[in-house]
PDB file of N, CA and C in Angstrom:
ATOM      1  N   UNK A   1      34.857 -11.505 -12.567  1.00  0.00           N
ATOM      2  CA  UNK A   1      35.615 -10.226 -11.901  1.00  0.00           C
ATOM      3  C   UNK A   1      34.994  -9.204 -11.114  1.00  0.00           C
ATOM      4  N   UNK A   2      35.152  -9.001 -10.229  1.00  0.00           N
ATOM      5  CA  UNK A   2      34.341  -8.485  -9.629  1.00  0.00           C
ATOM      6  C   UNK A   2      34.897  -7.266  -8.605  1.00  0.00           C
ATOM      7  N   UNK A   3      34.034  -6.214  -8.744  1.00  0.00           N
ATOM      8  CA  UNK A   3      34.877  -4.925  -8.079  1.00  0.00           C
ATOM      9  C   UNK A   3      34.729  -4.683  -6.555  1.00  0.00           C
ATOM     10  N   UNK A   4      35.163  -4.639  -5.695  1.00  0.00           N
ATOM     11  CA  UNK A   4      34.902  -4.122  -4.133  1.00  0.00           C
ATOM     12  C   UNK A   4      35.939  -3.066  -4.036  1.00  0.00           C
ATOM     13  N   UNK A   5      34.702  -1.938  -3.860  1.00  0.00           N
ATOM     14  CA  UNK A   5      35.670  -0.578  -3.658  1.00  0.00           C
ATOM     15  C   UNK A   5      36.493  -0.322  -4.757  1.00  0.00           C
ATOM     16  N   UNK A   6      37.753  -0.233  -4.657  1.00  0.00           N
ATOM     17  CA  UNK A   6      38.836   0.367  -5.878  1.00  0.00           C
ATOM     18  C   UNK A   6      39.899  -1.540  -5.805  1.00  0.00           C
ATOM     19  N   UNK A   7      39.010  -2.043  -5.753  1.00  0.00           N
ATOM     20  CA  UNK A   7      39.748  -3.732  -6.249  1.00  0.00           C
ATOM     21  C   UNK A   7      39.095  -4.860  -7.109  1.00  0.00           C
ATOM     22  N   UNK A   8      39.288  -5.091  -7.984  1.00  0.00           N
ATOM     23  CA  UNK A   8      38.959  -6.018  -8.849  1.00  0.00           C
ATOM     24  C   UNK A   8      39.604  -7.756  -8.441  1.00  0.00           C
ATOM     25  N   UNK A   9      38.533  -8.349  -8.257  1.00  0.00           N
ATOM     26  CA  UNK A   9      38.917  -9.854  -7.804  1.00  0.00           C
ATOM     27  C   UNK A   9      38.216 -10.899  -8.411  1.00  0.00           C
ATOM     28  N   UNK A  10      38.914 -12.038  -9.142  1.00  0.00           N
ATOM     29  CA  UNK A  10      38.312 -12.437  -9.673  1.00  0.00           C
ATOM     30  C   UNK A  10      37.440 -14.024  -8.816  1.00  0.00           C
ATOM     31  N   UNK A  11      36.634 -14.035  -9.470  1.00  0.00           N
ATOM     32  CA  UNK A  11      35.729 -14.753  -8.449  1.00  0.00           C
ATOM     33  C   UNK A  11      35.148 -16.235  -9.438  1.00  0.00           C
ATOM     34  N   UNK A  12      34.818 -17.127  -9.364  1.00  0.00           N
ATOM     35  CA  UNK A  12      33.745 -17.929  -9.997  1.00  0.00           C
ATOM     36  C   UNK A  12      32.442 -18.114 -10.301  1.00  0.00           C
ATOM     37  N   UNK A  13      32.021 -17.556 -11.474  1.00  0.00           N
ATOM     38  CA  UNK A  13      30.615 -17.094 -11.765  1.00  0.00           C
ATOM     39  C   UNK A  13      29.301 -17.219 -11.092  1.00  0.00           C
ATOM     40  N   UNK A  14      29.088 -18.496 -10.716  1.00  0.00           N
ATOM     41  CA  UNK A  14      28.337 -19.175  -9.630  1.00  0.00           C
ATOM     42  C   UNK A  14      28.560 -18.536  -8.672  1.00  0.00           C
ATOM     43  N   UNK A  15      29.471 -18.276  -7.833  1.00  0.00           N
ATOM     44  CA  UNK A  15      29.635 -18.080  -6.605  1.00  0.00           C
ATOM     45  C   UNK A  15      29.834 -16.533  -6.598  1.00  0.00           C
ATOM     46  N   UNK A  16      30.024 -15.433  -7.526  1.00  0.00           N
ATOM     47  CA  UNK A  16      29.691 -14.278  -8.082  1.00  0.00           C
ATOM     48  C   UNK A  16      28.116 -13.988  -7.885  1.00  0.00           C
ATOM     49  N   UNK A  17      27.147 -14.524  -8.902  1.00  0.00           N
ATOM     50  CA  UNK A  17      25.850 -14.824  -9.326  1.00  0.00           C
ATOM     51  C   UNK A  17      25.137 -14.936  -7.787  1.00  0.00           C
ATOM     52  N   UNK A  18      25.355 -16.104  -7.197  1.00  0.00           N
ATOM     53  CA  UNK A  18      24.458 -16.085  -5.582  1.00  0.00           C
ATOM     54  C   UNK A  18      24.622 -14.644  -4.656  1.00  0.00           C
ATOM     55  N   UNK A  19      26.384 -14.164  -4.679  1.00  0.00           N
ATOM     56  CA  UNK A  19      26.570 -13.079  -3.853  1.00  0.00           C
ATOM     57  C   UNK A  19      26.120 -11.994  -3.868  1.00  0.00           C
ATOM     58  N   UNK A  20      25.853 -11.490  -5.142  1.00  0.00           N
ATOM     59  CA  UNK A  20      24.857 -10.622  -5.722  1.00  0.00           C
ATOM     60  C   UNK A  20      23.845 -10.733  -5.609  1.00  0.00           C
ATOM     61  N   UNK A  21      22.622 -12.354  -5.867  1.00  0.00           N
ATOM     62  CA  UNK A  21      21.486 -12.264  -5.556  1.00  0.00           C
ATOM     63  C   UNK A  21      21.242 -12.369  -3.896  1.00  0.00           C
ATOM     64  N   UNK A  22      22.032 -12.550  -2.963  1.00  0.00           N
ATOM     65  CA  UNK A  22      22.412 -12.760  -1.927  1.00  0.00           C
ATOM     66  C   UNK A  22      22.190 -10.883  -1.355  1.00  0.00           C
ATOM     67  N   UNK A  23      23.058 -10.361  -1.572  1.00  0.00           N
ATOM     68  CA  UNK A  23      23.067  -8.578  -1.765  1.00  0.00           C
ATOM     69  C   UNK A  23      21.455  -8.081  -1.829  1.00  0.00           C
ATOM     70  N   UNK A  24      21.345  -8.725  -2.926  1.00  0.00           N
ATOM     71  CA  UNK A  24      19.877  -7.756  -3.523  1.00  0.00           C
ATOM     72  C   UNK A  24      18.794  -7.986  -2.439  1.00  0.00           C
ATOM     73  N   UNK A  25      18.478  -9.415  -2.652  1.00  0.00           N
ATOM     74  CA  UNK A  25      17.721  -9.876  -1.678  1.00  0.00           C
ATOM     75  C   UNK A  25      17.629  -9.238  -0.165  1.00  0.00           C
ATOM     76  N   UNK A  26      18.740  -9.205   0.555  1.00  0.00           N
ATOM     77  CA  UNK A  26      18.895  -8.282   1.510  1.00  0.00           C
ATOM     78  C   UNK A  26      18.361  -6.705   1.290  1.00  0.00           C
ATOM     79  N   UNK A  27      18.753  -6.402   0.516  1.00  0.00           N
ATOM     80  CA  UNK A  27      18.923  -4.752   0.160  1.00  0.00           C
ATOM     81  C   UNK A  27      17.089  -4.408  -0.323  1.00  0.00           C
ATOM     82  N   UNK A  28      16.351  -5.739  -0.677  1.00  0.00           N
ATOM     83  CA  UNK A  28      15.379  -5.787  -0.721  1.00  0.00           C
ATOM     84  C   UNK A  28      13.974  -5.590   0.494  1.00  0.00           C
ATOM     85  N   UNK A  29      14.264  -6.533   1.318  1.00  0.00           N
ATOM     86  CA  UNK A  29      14.130  -6.747   2.592  1.00  0.00           C
ATOM     87  C   UNK A  29      13.893  -5.351   3.482  1.00  0.00           C
ATOM     88  N   UNK A  30      15.434  -4.551   3.517  1.00  0.00           N
ATOM     89  CA  UNK A  30      15.620  -3.667   4.146  1.00  0.00           C
ATOM     90  C   UNK A  30      14.596  -2.496   3.298  1.00  0.00           C
ATOM     91  N   UNK A  31      14.641  -2.301   2.154  1.00  0.00           N
ATOM     92  CA  UNK A  31      13.459  -1.373   1.561  1.00  0.00           C
ATOM     93  C   UNK A  31      12.041  -1.451   2.135  1.00  0.00           C
ATOM     94  N   UNK A  32      11.898  -2.794   1.777  1.00  0.00           N
ATOM     95  CA  UNK A  32      10.650  -2.619   2.448  1.00  0.00           C
ATOM     96  C   UNK A  32      10.502  -2.927   3.900  1.00  0.00           C
ATOM     97  N   UNK A  33      11.419  -2.846   4.770  1.00  0.00           N
ATOM     98  CA  UNK A  33      10.819  -2.321   6.482  1.00  0.00           C
ATOM     99  C   UNK A  33      11.176  -1.092   6.468  1.00  0.00           C
ATOM    100  N   UNK A  34      11.735  -0.435   5.794  1.00  0.00           N
ATOM    101  CA  UNK A  34      11.783   1.518   5.968  1.00  0.00           C
ATOM    102  C   UNK A  34      10.151   1.374   5.348  1.00  0.00           C
ATOM    103  N   UNK A  35       9.786   1.110   3.960  1.00  0.00           N
ATOM    104  CA  UNK A  35       8.451   1.396   3.337  1.00  0.00           C
ATOM    105  C   UNK A  35       7.547   1.193   4.631  1.00  0.00           C
ATOM    106  N   UNK A  36       7.330   0.245   5.287  1.00  0.00           N
ATOM    107  CA  UNK A  36       6.227  -0.075   6.784  1.00  0.00           C
ATOM    108  C   UNK A  36       6.328   1.054   7.328  1.00  0.00           C
ATOM    109  N   UNK A  37       7.841   1.296   7.960  1.00  0.00           N
ATOM    110  CA  UNK A  37       8.219   2.483   9.373  1.00  0.00           C
ATOM    111  C   UNK A  37       7.680   3.561   8.872  1.00  0.00           C
ATOM    112  N   UNK A  38       7.831   3.649   7.340  1.00  0.00           N
ATOM    113  CA  UNK A  38       7.546   4.999   6.704  1.00  0.00           C
ATOM    114  C   UNK A  38       6.357   5.828   6.958  1.00  0.00           C
ATOM    115  N   UNK A  39       4.792   4.342   6.415  1.00  0.00           N
ATOM    116  CA  UNK A  39       3.569   4.688   6.886  1.00  0.00           C
ATOM    117  C   UNK A  39       3.201   4.640   8.007  1.00  0.00           C
ATOM    118  N   UNK A  40       3.966   4.405   8.854  1.00  0.00           N
ATOM    119  CA  UNK A  40       3.435   4.183  10.175  1.00  0.00           C
ATOM    120  C   UNK A  40       3.837   5.626  10.607  1.00  0.00           C
ATOM    121  N   UNK A  41       5.129   6.336  10.314  1.00  0.00           N
ATOM    122  CA  UNK A  41       4.784   7.493  10.961  1.00  0.00           C
ATOM    123  C   UNK A  41       4.472   8.200   9.697  1.00  0.00           C
ATOM    124  N   UNK A  42       4.184   8.890   8.825  1.00  0.00           N
ATOM    125  CA  UNK A  42       3.350   9.593   8.012  1.00  0.00           C
ATOM    126  C   UNK A  42       1.906   9.173   9.012  1.00  0.00           C
ATOM    127  N   UNK A  43       1.268   7.964   9.175  1.00  0.00           N
ATOM    128  CA  UNK A  43       0.281   7.775   9.730  1.00  0.00           C
ATOM    129  C   UNK A  43       0.421   9.149  11.321  1.00  0.00           C
ATOM    130  N   UNK A  44       1.456   8.707  12.017  1.00  0.00           N
ATOM    131  CA  UNK A  44       1.354   9.629  13.109  1.00  0.00           C
ATOM    132  C   UNK A  44       1.273  10.788  12.824  1.00  0.00           C
ATOM    133  N   UNK A  45       2.224  11.342  12.094  1.00  0.00           N
ATOM    134  CA  UNK A  45       2.447  12.698  12.066  1.00  0.00           C
ATOM    135  C   UNK A  45       1.243  13.327  11.435  1.00  0.00           C
ATOM    136  N   UNK A  46      -0.072  12.772  10.414  1.00  0.00           N
ATOM    137  CA  UNK A  46      -1.459  13.467  10.522  1.00  0.00           C
ATOM    138  C   UNK A  46      -1.748  13.509  11.786  1.00  0.00           C
ATOM    139  N   UNK A  47      -2.115  12.417  12.116  1.00  0.00           N
ATOM    140  CA  UNK A  47      -2.982  12.473  13.653  1.00  0.00           C
ATOM    141  C   UNK A  47      -1.995  13.415  14.658  1.00  0.00           C
ATOM    142  N   UNK A  48      -1.221  13.916  14.669  1.00  0.00           N
ATOM    143  CA  UNK A  48      -0.626  14.812  15.533  1.00  0.00           C
ATOM    144  C   UNK A  48      -1.298  16.512  15.150  1.00  0.00           C
ATOM    145  N   UNK A  49      -0.628  16.560  13.691  1.00  0.00           N
ATOM    146  CA  UNK A  49      -1.068  17.326  13.015  1.00  0.00           C
ATOM    147  C   UNK A  49      -3.401  17.530  13.292  1.00  0.00           C
ATOM    148  N   UNK A  50      -4.176  16.437  13.732  1.00  0.00           N
ATOM    149  CA  UNK A  50      -5.361  16.153  13.382  1.00  0.00           C
ATOM    150  C   UNK A  50      -5.652  16.181  12.657  1.00  0.00           C
ATOM    151  N   UNK A  51      -5.260  16.171  11.184  1.00  0.00           N
ATOM    152  CA  UNK A  51      -5.491  15.784   9.861  1.00  0.00           C
ATOM    153  C   UNK A  51      -6.202  14.230   9.632  1.00  0.00           C
ATOM    154  N   UNK A  52      -6.798  13.407   8.915  1.00  0.00           N
ATOM    155  CA  UNK A  52      -6.980  12.428   8.593  1.00  0.00           C
ATOM    156  C   UNK A  52      -6.238  11.494   7.981  1.00  0.00           C
ATOM    157  N   UNK A  53      -5.747  10.629   8.209  1.00  0.00           N
ATOM    158  CA  UNK A  53      -5.011  10.044   7.366  1.00  0.00           C
ATOM    159  C   UNK A  53      -5.030   9.698   5.810  1.00  0.00           C
ATOM    160  N   UNK A  54      -3.853   9.482   5.297  1.00  0.00           N
ATOM    161  CA  UNK A  54      -3.945   9.692   3.766  1.00  0.00           C
ATOM    162  C   UNK A  54      -4.989   8.164   2.977  1.00  0.00           C
ATOM    163  N   UNK A  55      -5.265   8.387   2.154  1.00  0.00           N
ATOM    164  CA  UNK A  55      -6.475   7.517   1.980  1.00  0.00           C
ATOM    165  C   UNK A  55      -5.855   6.612   0.917  1.00  0.00           C
ATOM    166  N   UNK A  56      -5.721   5.078   0.993  1.00  0.00           N
ATOM    167  CA  UNK A  56      -4.859   4.602  -0.099  1.00  0.00           C
ATOM    168  C   UNK A  56      -3.237   4.048   0.385  1.00  0.00           C
ATOM    169  N   UNK A  57      -3.113   5.176   1.182  1.00  0.00           N
ATOM    170  CA  UNK A  57      -1.395   4.832   1.563  1.00  0.00           C
ATOM    171  C   UNK A  57      -0.941   3.600   1.815  1.00  0.00           C
ATOM    172  N   UNK A  58      -1.622   2.985   2.634  1.00  0.00           N
ATOM    173  CA  UNK A  58      -1.515   1.598   3.203  1.00  0.00           C
ATOM    174  C   UNK A  58      -2.110  -0.050   2.272  1.00  0.00           C
ATOM    175  N   UNK A  59      -1.954   0.450   1.105  1.00  0.00           N
ATOM    176  CA  UNK A  59      -2.267   0.222  -0.263  1.00  0.00           C
ATOM    177  C   UNK A  59      -0.545  -0.925  -0.711  1.00  0.00           C
ATOM    178  N   UNK A  60      -0.389  -2.218  -0.752  1.00  0.00           N
ATOM    179  CA  UNK A  60       0.989  -2.873  -1.285  1.00  0.00           C
ATOM    180  C   UNK A  60       0.259  -2.931  -2.862  1.00  0.00           C
ATOM    181  N   UNK A  61       2.134  -2.852  -3.197  1.00  0.00           N
ATOM    182  CA  UNK A  61       1.867  -2.814  -4.755  1.00  0.00           C
ATOM    183  C   UNK A  61       2.157  -4.807  -5.060  1.00  0.00           C
ATOM    184  N   UNK A  62       1.444  -4.691  -6.804  1.00  0.00           N
ATOM    185  CA  UNK A  62       0.856  -5.649  -7.061  1.00  0.00           C
ATOM    186  C   UNK A  62       2.698  -6.703  -7.381  1.00  0.00           C
ATOM    187  N   UNK A  63       2.773  -7.918  -7.492  1.00  0.00           N
ATOM    188  CA  UNK A  63       4.487  -8.258  -7.834  1.00  0.00           C
ATOM    189  C   UNK A  63       3.984  -8.350  -8.992  1.00  0.00           C
ATOM    190  N   UNK A  64       4.792  -9.124  -9.571  1.00  0.00           N
ATOM    191  CA  UNK A  64       5.043  -8.704 -11.087  1.00  0.00           C
ATOM    192  C   UNK A  64       4.371 -10.221 -11.943  1.00  0.00           C
ATOM    193  N   UNK A  65       3.970 -11.064 -11.111  1.00  0.00           N
ATOM    194  CA  UNK A  65       3.320 -12.593 -11.719  1.00  0.00           C
ATOM    195  C   UNK A  65       2.161 -12.346 -11.892  1.00  0.00           C
ATOM    196  N   UNK A  66       1.238 -11.274 -10.874  1.00  0.00           N
ATOM    197  CA  UNK A  66      -0.130 -11.422 -11.281  1.00  0.00           C
ATOM    198  C   UNK A  66      -0.608 -10.422 -12.220  1.00  0.00           C
ATOM    199  N   UNK A  67       0.093  -9.431 -13.431  1.00  0.00           N
ATOM    200  CA  UNK A  67      -0.616  -9.369 -14.317  1.00  0.00           C
ATOM    201  C   UNK A  67      -0.607 -10.142 -15.834  1.00  0.00           C
ATOM    202  N   UNK A  68       0.976 -11.393 -15.322  1.00  0.00           N
ATOM    203  CA  UNK A  68       1.138 -12.055 -16.204  1.00  0.00           C
ATOM    204  C   UNK A  68       0.505 -13.444 -15.972  1.00  0.00           C
ATOM    205  N   UNK A  69       0.042 -13.741 -15.076  1.00  0.00           N
ATOM    206  CA  UNK A  69      -0.923 -14.979 -14.525  1.00  0.00           C
ATOM    207  C   UNK A  69      -2.500 -14.107 -15.137  1.00  0.00           C
ATOM    208  N   UNK A  70      -3.067 -12.779 -15.247  1.00  0.00           N
ATOM    209  CA  UNK A  70      -4.112 -12.056 -15.599  1.00  0.00           C
ATOM    210  C   UNK A  70      -4.469 -12.699 -17.296  1.00  0.00           C
ATOM    211  N   UNK A  71      -2.983 -12.657 -17.719  1.00  0.00           N
ATOM    212  CA  UNK A  71      -3.232 -12.437 -19.052  1.00  0.00           C
ATOM    213  C   UNK A  71      -3.302 -14.023 -19.630  1.00  0.00           C
ATOM    214  N   UNK A  72      -2.571 -14.882 -19.035  1.00  0.00           N
ATOM    215  CA  UNK A  72      -2.792 -16.539 -19.370  1.00  0.00           C
ATOM    216  C   UNK A  72      -3.888 -16.524 -19.493  1.00  0.00           C
ATOM    217  N   UNK A  73      -4.557 -16.511 -17.880  1.00  0.00           N
ATOM    218  CA  UNK A  73      -6.403 -16.455 -17.657  1.00  0.00           C
ATOM    219  C   UNK A  73      -7.070 -15.952 -19.029  1.00  0.00           C
ATOM    220  N   UNK A  74      -7.052 -14.798 -19.498  1.00  0.00           N
ATOM    221  CA  UNK A  74      -7.810 -13.817 -19.901  1.00  0.00           C
ATOM    222  C   UNK A  74      -7.610 -14.673 -21.563  1.00  0.00           C
ATOM    223  N   UNK A  75      -6.389 -15.124 -21.722  1.00  0.00           N
ATOM    224  CA  UNK A  75      -6.257 -16.107 -23.206  1.00  0.00           C
ATOM    225  C   UNK A  75      -6.828 -17.540 -23.204  1.00  0.00           C
ATOM    226  N   UNK A  76      -7.226 -18.085 -22.237  1.00  0.00           N
ATOM    227  CA  UNK A  76      -8.052 -19.106 -21.838  1.00  0.00           C
ATOM    228  C   UNK A  76      -7.606 -20.143 -21.971  1.00  0.00           C
TER     229      UNK A  76
END
């Protein structure tokens, strides 16, 4: 059962799961796009104010697989 606003609709589990995963992927892409745009806007703001850009502001976060891979490598 899935809730759409004020309605509950009965849907098969695989179809519901697929729909939720697609929505989550779409939201993650939108969030990433907004973060990239924010970085550009903040740098332009600092340039307009005559201040140096933020140090480390253009770093990208690690994904969740990197720490796991490092643990596997270190365990040998």
